[in-house]
C-alpha atoms as a PDB file:
ATOM      1  CA  MET A   1     -33.962 169.971 150.386  1.00  0.00           C
ATOM      2  CA  SER A   2     -37.246 169.565 151.198  1.00  0.00           C
ATOM      3  CA  LYS A   3     -39.811 168.012 153.170  1.00  0.00           C
ATOM      4  CA  THR A   4     -41.194 166.459 150.547  1.00  0.00           C
ATOM      5  CA  ASP A   5     -38.083 164.781 150.013  1.00  0.00           C
ATOM      6  CA  CYS A   6     -38.425 162.835 153.391  1.00  0.00           C
ATOM      7  CA  THR A   7     -40.169 159.508 153.842  1.00  0.00           C
ATOM      8  CA  GLN A   8     -40.942 158.461 157.354  1.00  0.00           C
ATOM      9  CA  ILE A   9     -39.608 154.785 157.969  1.00  0.00           C
ATOM     10  CA  SER A  10     -41.392 152.018 160.139  1.00  0.00           C
ATOM     11  CA  ASP A  11     -39.389 149.471 161.463  1.00  0.00           C
ATOM     12  CA  ASP A  12     -39.968 147.492 164.386  1.00  0.00           C
ATOM     13  CA  ILE A  13     -36.655 147.872 166.050  1.00  0.00           C
ATOM     14  CA  LEU A  14     -36.467 151.468 165.411  1.00  0.00           C
ATOM     15  CA  ASP A  15     -39.967 152.133 166.715  1.00  0.00           C
ATOM     16  CA  LYS A  16     -39.630 149.698 169.666  1.00  0.00           C
ATOM     17  CA  LYS A  17     -35.816 150.393 170.859  1.00  0.00           C
ATOM     18  CA  TRP A  18     -34.739 154.023 169.365  1.00  0.00           C
ATOM     19  CA  VAL A  19     -37.989 156.141 170.043  1.00  0.00           C
ATOM     20  CA  ASN A  20     -37.946 158.208 173.088  1.00  0.00           C
ATOM     21  CA  THR A  21     -38.694 161.960 174.323  1.00  0.00           C
ATOM     22  CA  PHE A  22     -36.587 163.556 172.220  1.00  0.00           C
ATOM     23  CA  ARG A  23     -36.276 160.916 169.171  1.00  0.00           C
ATOM     24  CA  LYS A  24     -40.115 160.735 167.921  1.00  0.00           C
ATOM     25  CA  GLY A  25     -39.280 159.054 164.708  1.00  0.00           C
ATOM     26  CA  TYR A  26     -37.198 158.358 161.624  1.00  0.00           C
ATOM     27  CA  VAL A  27     -36.988 159.398 158.041  1.00  0.00           C
ATOM     28  CA  SER A  28     -35.139 158.168 155.107  1.00  0.00           C
ATOM     29  CA  VAL A  29     -33.960 160.918 152.463  1.00  0.00           C
ATOM     30  CA  LYS A  30     -32.529 160.162 149.582  1.00  0.00           C
ATOM     31  CA  GLY A  31     -31.831 156.527 151.314  1.00  0.00           C
ATOM     32  CA  VAL A  32     -30.196 157.953 154.463  1.00  0.00           C
ATOM     33  CA  THR A  33     -31.850 157.425 157.533  1.00  0.00           C
ATOM     34  CA  LEU A  34     -32.478 160.480 159.626  1.00  0.00           C
ATOM     35  CA  PRO A  35     -34.500 161.246 162.820  1.00  0.00           C
ATOM     36  CA  LEU A  36     -37.749 162.504 162.136  1.00  0.00           C
ATOM     37  CA  ARG A  37     -36.816 166.439 163.347  1.00  0.00           C
ATOM     38  CA  TYR A  38     -34.971 166.591 159.842  1.00  0.00           C
ATOM     39  CA  LYS A  39     -37.961 166.779 157.891  1.00  0.00           C
ATOM     40  CA  ASP A  40     -38.623 170.365 159.521  1.00  0.00           C
ATOM     41  CA  LEU A  41     -34.778 171.326 159.391  1.00  0.00           C
ATOM     42  CA  ALA A  42     -33.987 170.362 156.088  1.00  0.00           C
ATOM     43  CA  GLU A  43     -34.500 173.498 154.266  1.00  0.00           C
ATOM     44  CA  ASP A  44     -32.678 175.187 156.554  1.00  0.00           C
ATOM     45  CA  ILE A  45     -29.688 173.258 156.067  1.00  0.00           C
ATOM     46  CA  GLU A  46     -29.895 173.345 152.280  1.00  0.00           C
ATOM     47  CA  ASN A  47     -30.337 177.238 152.465  1.00  0.00           C
ATOM     48  CA  LEU A  48     -27.484 177.906 155.240  1.00  0.00           C
ATOM     49  CA  GLU A  49     -25.266 180.568 154.227  1.00  0.00           C
ATOM     50  CA  VAL A  50     -21.598 179.186 153.755  1.00  0.00           C
ATOM     51  CA  TYR A  51     -18.323 180.749 153.732  1.00  0.00           C
ATOM     52  CA  ASP A  52     -15.160 180.550 151.986  1.00  0.00           C
ATOM     53  CA  ASP A  53     -13.486 180.648 155.359  1.00  0.00           C
ATOM     54  CA  ASP A  54     -15.599 177.662 156.981  1.00  0.00           C
ATOM     55  CA  VAL A  55     -13.510 174.584 158.294  1.00  0.00           C
ATOM     56  CA  TRP A  56     -15.990 171.711 158.177  1.00  0.00           C
ATOM     57  CA  VAL A  57     -15.101 168.291 159.772  1.00  0.00           C
ATOM     58  CA  CYS A  58     -17.503 165.660 158.771  1.00  0.00           C
ATOM     59  CA  SER A  59     -17.960 161.852 159.100  1.00  0.00           C
ATOM     60  CA  PHE A  60     -20.275 158.856 159.963  1.00  0.00           C
ATOM     61  CA  PRO A  61     -20.382 158.874 163.680  1.00  0.00           C
ATOM     62  CA  LYS A  62     -17.867 157.162 165.985  1.00  0.00           C
ATOM     63  CA  THR A  63     -14.972 157.525 163.661  1.00  0.00           C
ATOM     64  CA  GLY A  64     -12.630 159.844 165.125  1.00  0.00           C
ATOM     65  CA  THR A  65     -14.527 162.861 164.925  1.00  0.00           C
ATOM     66  CA  THR A  66     -13.929 164.735 168.267  1.00  0.00           C
ATOM     67  CA  TRP A  67     -10.047 163.914 167.788  1.00  0.00           C
ATOM     68  CA  THR A  68     -10.040 165.556 164.276  1.00  0.00           C
ATOM     69  CA  GLN A  69     -12.220 168.529 165.781  1.00  0.00           C
ATOM     70  CA  GLU A  70      -9.546 168.888 168.509  1.00  0.00           C
ATOM     71  CA  ILE A  71      -6.524 169.100 165.958  1.00  0.00           C
ATOM     72  CA  VAL A  72      -8.375 171.267 163.575  1.00  0.00           C
ATOM     73  CA  TRP A  73      -9.649 173.809 166.230  1.00  0.00           C
ATOM     74  CA  LEU A  74      -6.026 173.770 167.761  1.00  0.00           C
ATOM     75  CA  LEU A  75      -4.141 174.559 164.975  1.00  0.00           C
ATOM     76  CA  CYS A  76      -6.843 177.154 163.862  1.00  0.00           C
ATOM     77  CA  ASN A  77      -6.374 179.123 167.022  1.00  0.00           C
ATOM     78  CA  ASN A  78      -2.828 179.422 167.533  1.00  0.00           C
ATOM     79  CA  LEU A  79      -2.497 176.107 170.011  1.00  0.00           C
ATOM     80  CA  ASP A  80      -4.548 178.035 172.161  1.00  0.00           C
ATOM     81  CA  TYR A  81      -4.663 175.408 174.980  1.00  0.00           C
ATOM     82  CA  GLU A  82      -6.403 177.621 177.633  1.00  0.00           C
ATOM     83  CA  GLY A  83      -9.120 178.322 174.814  1.00  0.00           C
ATOM     84  CA  ALA A  84      -9.689 174.566 174.612  1.00  0.00           C
ATOM     85  CA  LYS A  85     -11.098 174.137 177.985  1.00  0.00           C
ATOM     86  CA  GLU A  86     -14.285 175.651 176.528  1.00  0.00           C
ATOM     87  CA  ASN A  87     -16.773 172.765 175.740  1.00  0.00           C
ATOM     88  CA  ILE A  88     -15.962 171.446 172.061  1.00  0.00           C
ATOM     89  CA  GLY A  89     -19.825 171.866 171.460  1.00  0.00           C
ATOM     90  CA  SER A  90     -19.825 175.820 172.001  1.00  0.00           C
ATOM     91  CA  ARG A  91     -16.102 176.244 170.147  1.00  0.00           C
ATOM     92  CA  PHE A  92     -16.468 173.965 167.088  1.00  0.00           C
ATOM     93  CA  PRO A  93     -20.550 173.190 166.789  1.00  0.00           C
ATOM     94  CA  PHE A  94     -22.255 170.190 165.676  1.00  0.00           C
ATOM     95  CA  LEU A  95     -24.791 171.388 163.040  1.00  0.00           C
ATOM     96  CA  ASP A  96     -27.059 168.625 163.232  1.00  0.00           C
ATOM     97  CA  PHE A  97     -27.707 168.531 167.015  1.00  0.00           C
ATOM     98  CA  SER A  98     -31.173 170.061 166.994  1.00  0.00           C
ATOM     99  CA  PHE A  99     -32.549 167.109 164.494  1.00  0.00           C
ATOM    100  CA  LEU A 100     -30.954 164.421 166.575  1.00  0.00           C
ATOM    101  CA  PHE A 101     -31.954 165.344 170.036  1.00  0.00           C
ATOM    102  CA  ASP A 102     -35.364 167.273 169.693  1.00  0.00           C
ATOM    103  CA  TYR A 103     -35.733 168.470 173.487  1.00  0.00           C
ATOM    104  CA  ARG A 104     -38.755 170.951 172.790  1.00  0.00           C
ATOM    105  CA  ASP A 105     -40.908 168.863 174.656  1.00  0.00           C
ATOM    106  CA  ASN A 106     -38.945 168.215 177.676  1.00  0.00           C
ATOM    107  CA  MET A 107     -38.286 172.103 177.915  1.00  0.00           C
ATOM    108  CA  ILE A 108     -41.977 172.686 177.845  1.00  0.00           C
ATOM    109  CA  LYS A 109     -42.916 170.222 180.073  1.00  0.00           C
ATOM    110  CA  ASN A 110     -40.044 170.919 182.717  1.00  0.00           C
ATOM    111  CA  SER A 111     -38.986 174.456 183.695  1.00  0.00           C
ATOM    112  CA  GLU A 112     -35.505 173.097 184.533  1.00  0.00           C
ATOM    113  CA  PHE A 113     -35.017 170.968 181.828  1.00  0.00           C
ATOM    114  CA  GLN A 114     -32.421 174.052 179.980  1.00  0.00           C
ATOM    115  CA  PRO A 115     -29.818 172.509 177.634  1.00  0.00           C
ATOM    116  CA  LEU A 116     -27.058 174.932 176.341  1.00  0.00           C
ATOM    117  CA  ASP A 117     -27.577 177.435 173.543  1.00  0.00           C
ATOM    118  CA  PHE A 118     -25.733 175.149 170.975  1.00  0.00           C
ATOM    119  CA  GLN A 119     -28.330 172.410 171.938  1.00  0.00           C
ATOM    120  CA  ILE A 120     -31.576 174.197 171.463  1.00  0.00           C
ATOM    121  CA  ASP A 121     -31.003 175.516 168.149  1.00  0.00           C
ATOM    122  CA  SER A 122     -27.705 174.146 166.977  1.00  0.00           C
ATOM    123  CA  LEU A 123     -28.642 175.679 163.222  1.00  0.00           C
ATOM    124  CA  LYS A 124     -29.079 179.195 164.595  1.00  0.00           C
ATOM    125  CA  TYR A 125     -25.820 178.896 166.541  1.00  0.00           C
ATOM    126  CA  VAL A 126     -23.685 177.813 163.764  1.00  0.00           C
ATOM    127  CA  ALA A 127     -25.591 180.826 161.468  1.00  0.00           C
ATOM    128  CA  GLU A 128     -24.404 183.188 164.387  1.00  0.00           C
ATOM    129  CA  LEU A 129     -20.896 182.017 164.902  1.00  0.00           C
ATOM    130  CA  LYS A 130     -18.097 184.305 164.795  1.00  0.00           C
ATOM    131  CA  ARG A 131     -15.858 183.905 161.777  1.00  0.00           C
ATOM    132  CA  PRO A 132     -13.982 181.905 160.799  1.00  0.00           C
ATOM    133  CA  ARG A 133     -16.421 179.053 161.429  1.00  0.00           C
ATOM    134  CA  LEU A 134     -15.537 175.510 162.729  1.00  0.00           C
ATOM    135  CA  ILE A 135     -18.357 173.505 161.876  1.00  0.00           C
ATOM    136  CA  LYS A 136     -19.033 169.448 162.338  1.00  0.00           C
ATOM    137  CA  THR A 137     -21.773 167.420 160.535  1.00  0.00           C
ATOM    138  CA  HIS A 138     -22.201 163.578 159.786  1.00  0.00           C
ATOM    139  CA  LEU A 139     -24.431 164.401 156.981  1.00  0.00           C
ATOM    140  CA  PRO A 140     -23.348 162.973 153.806  1.00  0.00           C
ATOM    141  CA  TYR A 141     -21.627 164.912 151.026  1.00  0.00           C
ATOM    142  CA  PHE A 142     -25.087 165.403 149.093  1.00  0.00           C
ATOM    143  CA  LEU A 143     -26.994 166.463 152.040  1.00  0.00           C
ATOM    144  CA  LEU A 144     -24.699 169.241 152.726  1.00  0.00           C
ATOM    145  CA  PRO A 145     -25.583 172.840 152.184  1.00  0.00           C
ATOM    146  CA  ARG A 146     -26.607 173.759 148.471  1.00  0.00           C
ATOM    147  CA  GLN A 147     -23.837 176.305 148.205  1.00  0.00           C
ATOM    148  CA  ILE A 148     -21.149 173.748 148.711  1.00  0.00           C
ATOM    149  CA  ARG A 149     -22.757 170.747 146.740  1.00  0.00           C
ATOM    150  CA  GLU A 150     -22.799 173.327 143.684  1.00  0.00           C
ATOM    151  CA  GLY A 151     -19.376 174.971 144.414  1.00  0.00           C
ATOM    152  CA  ILE A 152     -20.641 178.130 145.243  1.00  0.00           C
ATOM    153  CA  LYS A 153     -18.628 178.315 148.300  1.00  0.00           C
ATOM    154  CA  LYS A 154     -15.692 176.181 149.047  1.00  0.00           C
ATOM    155  CA  PRO A 155     -15.247 176.035 152.558  1.00  0.00           C
ATOM    156  CA  LYS A 156     -12.271 173.720 153.900  1.00  0.00           C
ATOM    157  CA  ILE A 157     -13.722 170.035 154.426  1.00  0.00           C
ATOM    158  CA  ILE A 158     -12.051 167.526 156.375  1.00  0.00           C
ATOM    159  CA  TYR A 159     -13.559 163.768 155.954  1.00  0.00           C
ATOM    160  CA  VAL A 160     -12.542 161.265 158.293  1.00  0.00           C
ATOM    161  CA  PHE A 161     -13.461 157.445 158.245  1.00  0.00           C
ATOM    162  CA  ARG A 162     -13.041 154.290 159.995  1.00  0.00           C
ATOM    163  CA  ASN A 163     -13.208 150.720 159.268  1.00  0.00           C
ATOM    164  CA  PRO A 164     -17.006 149.658 159.532  1.00  0.00           C
ATOM    165  CA  LYS A 165     -16.751 147.152 162.251  1.00  0.00           C
ATOM    166  CA  ASP A 166     -15.080 149.216 164.789  1.00  0.00           C
ATOM    167  CA  THR A 167     -17.501 152.163 163.575  1.00  0.00           C
ATOM    168  CA  CYS A 168     -20.343 149.808 164.127  1.00  0.00           C
ATOM    169  CA  ASN A 169     -19.176 148.080 167.683  1.00  0.00           C
ATOM    170  CA  SER A 170     -18.322 151.820 168.811  1.00  0.00           C
ATOM    171  CA  TYR A 171     -21.657 153.048 167.300  1.00  0.00           C
ATOM    172  CA  TYR A 172     -23.711 150.467 169.581  1.00  0.00           C
ATOM    173  CA  HIS A 173     -22.140 151.706 172.661  1.00  0.00           C
ATOM    174  CA  HIS A 174     -22.478 155.497 171.778  1.00  0.00           C
ATOM    175  CA  SER A 175     -26.471 155.045 170.759  1.00  0.00           C
ATOM    176  CA  LEU A 176     -26.634 153.492 174.095  1.00  0.00           C
ATOM    177  CA  LEU A 177     -24.964 156.275 176.327  1.00  0.00           C
ATOM    178  CA  LEU A 178     -26.135 159.120 174.322  1.00  0.00           C
ATOM    179  CA  GLU A 179     -29.125 158.690 171.977  1.00  0.00           C
ATOM    180  CA  GLY A 180     -31.413 156.348 173.905  1.00  0.00           C
ATOM    181  CA  PHE A 181     -31.418 153.184 172.276  1.00  0.00           C
ATOM    182  CA  THR A 182     -32.297 150.453 174.214  1.00  0.00           C
ATOM    183  CA  GLY A 183     -32.010 147.341 172.100  1.00  0.00           C
ATOM    184  CA  SER A 184     -29.263 144.435 172.023  1.00  0.00           C
ATOM    185  CA  LEU A 185     -26.070 144.392 170.125  1.00  0.00           C
ATOM    186  CA  GLU A 186     -27.321 141.985 167.592  1.00  0.00           C
ATOM    187  CA  GLU A 187     -30.457 144.427 167.037  1.00  0.00           C
ATOM    188  CA  PHE A 188     -28.010 147.446 166.218  1.00  0.00           C
ATOM    189  CA  CYS A 189     -25.990 145.154 164.067  1.00  0.00           C
ATOM    190  CA  LYS A 190     -29.073 144.678 161.984  1.00  0.00           C
ATOM    191  CA  LEU A 191     -30.012 148.091 161.848  1.00  0.00           C
ATOM    192  CA  PHE A 192     -26.493 148.575 160.635  1.00  0.00           C
ATOM    193  CA  LEU A 193     -26.553 146.133 157.754  1.00  0.00           C
ATOM    194  CA  GLU A 194     -29.727 147.586 156.395  1.00  0.00           C
ATOM    195  CA  GLY A 195     -28.459 151.338 156.556  1.00  0.00           C
ATOM    196  CA  LYS A 196     -31.063 152.201 159.357  1.00  0.00           C
ATOM    197  CA  VAL A 197     -29.081 153.660 161.978  1.00  0.00           C
ATOM    198  CA  PRO A 198     -28.913 157.379 162.105  1.00  0.00           C
ATOM    199  CA  PHE A 199     -27.127 158.590 159.566  1.00  0.00           C
ATOM    200  CA  GLY A 200     -27.024 155.013 157.327  1.00  0.00           C
ATOM    201  CA  PRO A 201     -26.263 153.278 155.562  1.00  0.00           C
ATOM    202  CA  TYR A 202     -22.190 153.780 156.520  1.00  0.00           C
ATOM    203  CA  TRP A 203     -20.938 153.265 152.937  1.00  0.00           C
ATOM    204  CA  THR A 204     -23.245 155.675 151.319  1.00  0.00           C
ATOM    205  CA  ASN A 205     -21.879 158.543 153.517  1.00  0.00           C
ATOM    206  CA  VAL A 206     -18.068 157.152 152.982  1.00  0.00           C
ATOM    207  CA  ILE A 207     -18.896 157.069 149.469  1.00  0.00           C
ATOM    208  CA  SER A 208     -20.254 160.485 149.251  1.00  0.00           C
ATOM    209  CA  PHE A 209     -17.214 162.401 150.227  1.00  0.00           C
ATOM    210  CA  TRP A 210     -14.678 159.627 148.717  1.00  0.00           C
ATOM    211  CA  GLU A 211     -16.303 160.620 145.354  1.00  0.00           C
ATOM    212  CA  ASN A 212     -15.161 164.226 145.906  1.00  0.00           C
ATOM    213  CA  ARG A 213     -11.779 163.528 147.229  1.00  0.00           C
ATOM    214  CA  ASN A 214     -10.052 165.315 144.188  1.00  0.00           C
ATOM    215  CA  LYS A 215     -11.684 168.639 144.752  1.00  0.00           C
ATOM    216  CA  SER A 216      -8.823 171.049 146.448  1.00  0.00           C
ATOM    217  CA  ASN A 217     -11.092 172.075 149.402  1.00  0.00           C
ATOM    218  CA  ILE A 218     -11.631 168.623 150.342  1.00  0.00           C
ATOM    219  CA  LEU A 219      -9.116 166.328 152.468  1.00  0.00           C
ATOM    220  CA  ILE A 220      -9.811 162.818 153.786  1.00  0.00           C
ATOM    221  CA  LEU A 221      -8.409 160.893 156.576  1.00  0.00           C
ATOM    222  CA  ARG A 222      -8.468 157.205 158.245  1.00  0.00           C
ATOM    223  CA  PHE A 223      -9.057 156.966 161.966  1.00  0.00           C
ATOM    224  CA  GLU A 224      -6.247 154.180 161.761  1.00  0.00           C
ATOM    225  CA  ASP A 225      -3.704 156.782 160.384  1.00  0.00           C
ATOM    226  CA  LEU A 226      -4.269 158.810 163.381  1.00  0.00           C
ATOM    227  CA  LYS A 227      -3.448 155.953 165.541  1.00  0.00           C
ATOM    228  CA  ARG A 228      -0.625 154.803 163.705  1.00  0.00           C
ATOM    229  CA  ASP A 229       1.181 157.986 162.905  1.00  0.00           C
ATOM    230  CA  LEU A 230      -0.598 161.146 164.516  1.00  0.00           C
ATOM    231  CA  ARG A 231       2.239 163.398 164.075  1.00  0.00           C
ATOM    232  CA  LYS A 232       2.167 162.595 160.252  1.00  0.00           C
ATOM    233  CA  VAL A 233      -1.703 163.278 160.343  1.00  0.00           C
ATOM    234  CA  VAL A 234      -1.317 166.737 161.984  1.00  0.00           C
ATOM    235  CA  GLU A 235       1.236 168.021 159.605  1.00  0.00           C
ATOM    236  CA  THR A 236      -0.812 166.878 156.691  1.00  0.00           C
ATOM    237  CA  VAL A 237      -3.749 169.023 158.261  1.00  0.00           C
ATOM    238  CA  CYS A 238      -1.242 171.715 158.725  1.00  0.00           C
ATOM    239  CA  THR A 239      -0.820 171.931 154.963  1.00  0.00           C
ATOM    240  CA  PHE A 240      -4.099 171.677 154.116  1.00  0.00           C
ATOM    241  CA  LEU A 241      -5.259 174.167 156.156  1.00  0.00           C
ATOM    242  CA  LYS A 242      -2.161 176.310 155.178  1.00  0.00           C
ATOM    243  CA  LYS A 243      -1.141 176.384 158.956  1.00  0.00           C
ATOM    244  CA  SER A 244       2.444 176.320 160.054  1.00  0.00           C
ATOM    245  CA  ILE A 245       3.848 173.004 161.591  1.00  0.00           C
ATOM    246  CA  PRO A 246       4.321 172.983 165.074  1.00  0.00           C
ATOM    247  CA  ASN A 247       7.940 172.948 165.991  1.00  0.00           C
ATOM    248  CA  GLU A 248       9.377 170.312 167.885  1.00  0.00           C
ATOM    249  CA  GLU A 249       8.838 171.347 171.292  1.00  0.00           C
ATOM    250  CA  GLN A 250       5.014 172.501 170.365  1.00  0.00           C
ATOM    251  CA  MET A 251       4.631 169.107 168.708  1.00  0.00           C
ATOM    252  CA  LYS A 252       5.521 167.240 171.454  1.00  0.00           C
ATOM    253  CA  LYS A 253       2.708 168.968 173.876  1.00  0.00           C
ATOM    254  CA  PHE A 254       0.462 169.074 171.240  1.00  0.00           C
ATOM    255  CA  LEU A 255       0.766 165.226 170.504  1.00  0.00           C
ATOM    256  CA  GLU A 256       0.285 164.524 174.252  1.00  0.00           C
ATOM    257  CA  HIS A 257      -2.760 166.881 174.354  1.00  0.00           C
ATOM    258  CA  LEU A 258      -3.976 164.650 171.657  1.00  0.00           C
ATOM    259  CA  SER A 259      -3.419 161.210 172.946  1.00  0.00           C
ATOM    260  CA  PHE A 260      -6.500 158.888 173.619  1.00  0.00           C
ATOM    261  CA  GLU A 261      -5.408 158.705 177.174  1.00  0.00           C
ATOM    262  CA  LYS A 262      -5.561 162.687 177.870  1.00  0.00           C
ATOM    263  CA  MET A 263      -8.621 163.162 176.069  1.00  0.00           C
ATOM    264  CA  LYS A 264     -10.989 160.338 177.691  1.00  0.00           C
ATOM    265  CA  THR A 265     -10.383 162.607 180.695  1.00  0.00           C
ATOM    266  CA  ASN A 266     -10.440 165.974 179.102  1.00  0.00           C
ATOM    267  CA  THR A 267     -13.782 167.336 180.442  1.00  0.00           C
ATOM    268  CA  SER A 268     -14.013 169.523 176.837  1.00  0.00           C
ATOM    269  CA  LEU A 269     -14.116 166.505 174.592  1.00  0.00           C
ATOM    270  CA  ASN A 270     -15.411 163.777 176.573  1.00  0.00           C
ATOM    271  CA  TYR A 271     -19.022 164.235 176.816  1.00  0.00           C
ATOM    272  CA  GLU A 272     -19.725 163.944 180.303  1.00  0.00           C
ATOM    273  CA  ASP A 273     -21.916 166.959 180.817  1.00  0.00           C
ATOM    274  CA  VAL A 274     -24.239 165.788 178.551  1.00  0.00           C
ATOM    275  CA  VAL A 275     -24.050 161.983 179.979  1.00  0.00           C
ATOM    276  CA  ALA A 276     -24.723 163.927 183.282  1.00  0.00           C
ATOM    277  CA  PHE A 277     -27.560 166.082 181.530  1.00  0.00           C
ATOM    278  CA  ASN A 278     -29.037 162.956 180.265  1.00  0.00           C
ATOM    279  CA  LYS A 279     -29.212 161.122 183.570  1.00  0.00           C
ATOM    280  CA  LYS A 280     -30.765 164.094 185.645  1.00  0.00           C
ATOM    281  CA  PHE A 281     -33.627 164.326 183.582  1.00  0.00           C
ATOM    282  CA  ASP A 282     -33.877 160.374 183.137  1.00  0.00           C
ATOM    283  CA  LEU A 283     -33.457 160.554 179.198  1.00  0.00           C
ATOM    284  CA  ILE A 284     -30.724 157.490 179.348  1.00  0.00           C
ATOM    285  CA  GLN A 285     -30.280 155.217 181.803  1.00  0.00           C
ATOM    286  CA  PHE A 286     -27.291 153.418 180.324  1.00  0.00           C
ATOM    287  CA  GLU A 287     -23.681 153.751 182.386  1.00  0.00           C
ATOM    288  CA  GLY A 288     -20.962 154.177 180.107  1.00  0.00           C
ATOM    289  CA  SER A 289     -18.526 156.685 178.718  1.00  0.00           C
ATOM    290  CA  PHE A 290     -18.069 158.669 175.818  1.00  0.00           C
ATOM    291  CA  MET A 291     -14.563 157.579 174.717  1.00  0.00           C
ATOM    292  CA  ARG A 292     -14.215 153.610 175.648  1.00  0.00           C
ATOM    293  CA  GLY A 293     -11.110 151.942 174.433  1.00  0.00           C
ATOM    294  CA  GLY A 294     -10.288 153.853 170.954  1.00  0.00           C
ATOM    295  CA  LYS A 295      -8.617 150.796 169.601  1.00  0.00           C
ATOM    296  CA  VAL A 296      -8.060 149.244 166.271  1.00  0.00           C
ATOM    297  CA  GLY A 297      -9.513 145.883 165.647  1.00  0.00           C
ATOM    298  CA  GLY A 298     -11.515 145.994 169.273  1.00  0.00           C
ATOM    299  CA  TYR A 299     -14.673 144.601 167.329  1.00  0.00           C
ATOM    300  CA  LYS A 300     -13.254 141.294 166.989  1.00  0.00           C
ATOM    301  CA  GLU A 301     -14.099 140.795 170.860  1.00  0.00           C
ATOM    302  CA  ALA A 302     -17.444 141.698 170.097  1.00  0.00           C
ATOM    303  CA  LEU A 303     -19.277 141.021 166.966  1.00  0.00           C
ATOM    304  CA  SER A 304     -20.074 137.528 165.701  1.00  0.00           C
ATOM    305  CA  GLN A 305     -18.323 136.141 162.833  1.00  0.00           C
ATOM    306  CA  GLU A 306     -21.621 135.690 161.170  1.00  0.00           C
ATOM    307  CA  PHE A 307     -22.284 139.316 161.257  1.00  0.00           C
ATOM    308  CA  LEU A 308     -18.843 140.079 159.833  1.00  0.00           C
ATOM    309  CA  ASN A 309     -19.148 137.956 157.013  1.00  0.00           C
ATOM    310  CA  LYS A 310     -22.592 139.587 156.116  1.00  0.00           C
ATOM    311  CA  LEU A 311     -20.751 143.068 156.604  1.00  0.00           C
ATOM    312  CA  ASP A 312     -18.001 142.140 154.514  1.00  0.00           C
ATOM    313  CA  SER A 313     -20.076 141.119 151.665  1.00  0.00           C
ATOM    314  CA  LEU A 314     -22.126 144.454 151.842  1.00  0.00           C
ATOM    315  CA  ILE A 315     -18.851 146.487 151.659  1.00  0.00           C
ATOM    316  CA  LYS A 316     -17.416 144.581 149.286  1.00  0.00           C
ATOM    317  CA  LYS A 317     -20.728 145.326 146.975  1.00  0.00           C
ATOM    318  CA  ALA A 318     -21.092 148.798 147.932  1.00  0.00           C
ATOM    319  CA  THR A 319     -17.774 149.829 147.407  1.00  0.00           C
ATOM    320  CA  GLU A 320     -16.516 148.086 144.135  1.00  0.00           C
ATOM    321  CA  GLY A 321     -14.840 150.214 141.831  1.00  0.00           C
ATOM    322  CA  THR A 322     -14.303 152.678 144.222  1.00  0.00           C
ATOM    323  CA  ALA A 323     -10.728 152.191 145.443  1.00  0.00           C
ATOM    324  CA  ILE A 324     -11.668 152.839 149.007  1.00  0.00           C
ATOM    325  CA  SER A 325      -9.730 150.431 151.507  1.00  0.00           C
ATOM    326  CA  PHE A 326     -10.493 150.022 155.002  1.00  0.00           C
ATOM    327  CA  ASP A 327      -7.156 149.067 157.468  1.00  0.00           C
END
């Protein structure tokens, strides 16, 4: 991927409601909407050195990513709950952070503005991470590093997805709290339908991994299955990663640690530090929490029937012939 593959997007809602000191604009990359800063980092991502012992957790935003990360991290680290007290961002870094949050101007203008290492240069942080590495990204499969796409390296990839309606509702609140969106729910839904939210279109992201689901190094999970039967999902992930399934006593503690109630108050996972950082430097004014309800079907209380009908039509058309189903 190179700069020439990036075309700048001009959109009234994006330009007026989702541009700020750390987000200067947006580009379209093979039909995917990404922050403008991606253009500068595209070649570095394309040529990132990948290792066979990497584990990548991939997803569209707000589909169960943090939940899946914590499952994977603990299984790969012998259920080390003490080690899991370290911020998830440092032990399971987010490859995309530097192009989602371009803090360079903020750091120049304010000497007290000091993000953490994994936030300043997320690509460098990932590249220098001690192996075996655990890496998070929201990029679609076709924008992953070349070594993965071409099968030169075969890291374990776990992709998690969620009903698009709940995803949209959750992503709206996330965008207000962490990404500086200042528009209405109606405006966000319009962007979601048009595939103009960061990493959109949603269905493009899901299909890109679904089409590769039969590869031996890829596992597909559903958020709804994590909610329905977390134990079964943990066992599935254990088998995929070739890790021992925890015994009954260990499993009980594991499942309790992974409960939504525990995760919501877990400061290593709930992004309260990022929210506090944003507020300290007046980057975001919205009040809220990163983990809200974690419900299946919560969209019914928030999204209009008109929007849901349009989304149903789009999803049906986009996923026709793919055998993808949403609970």
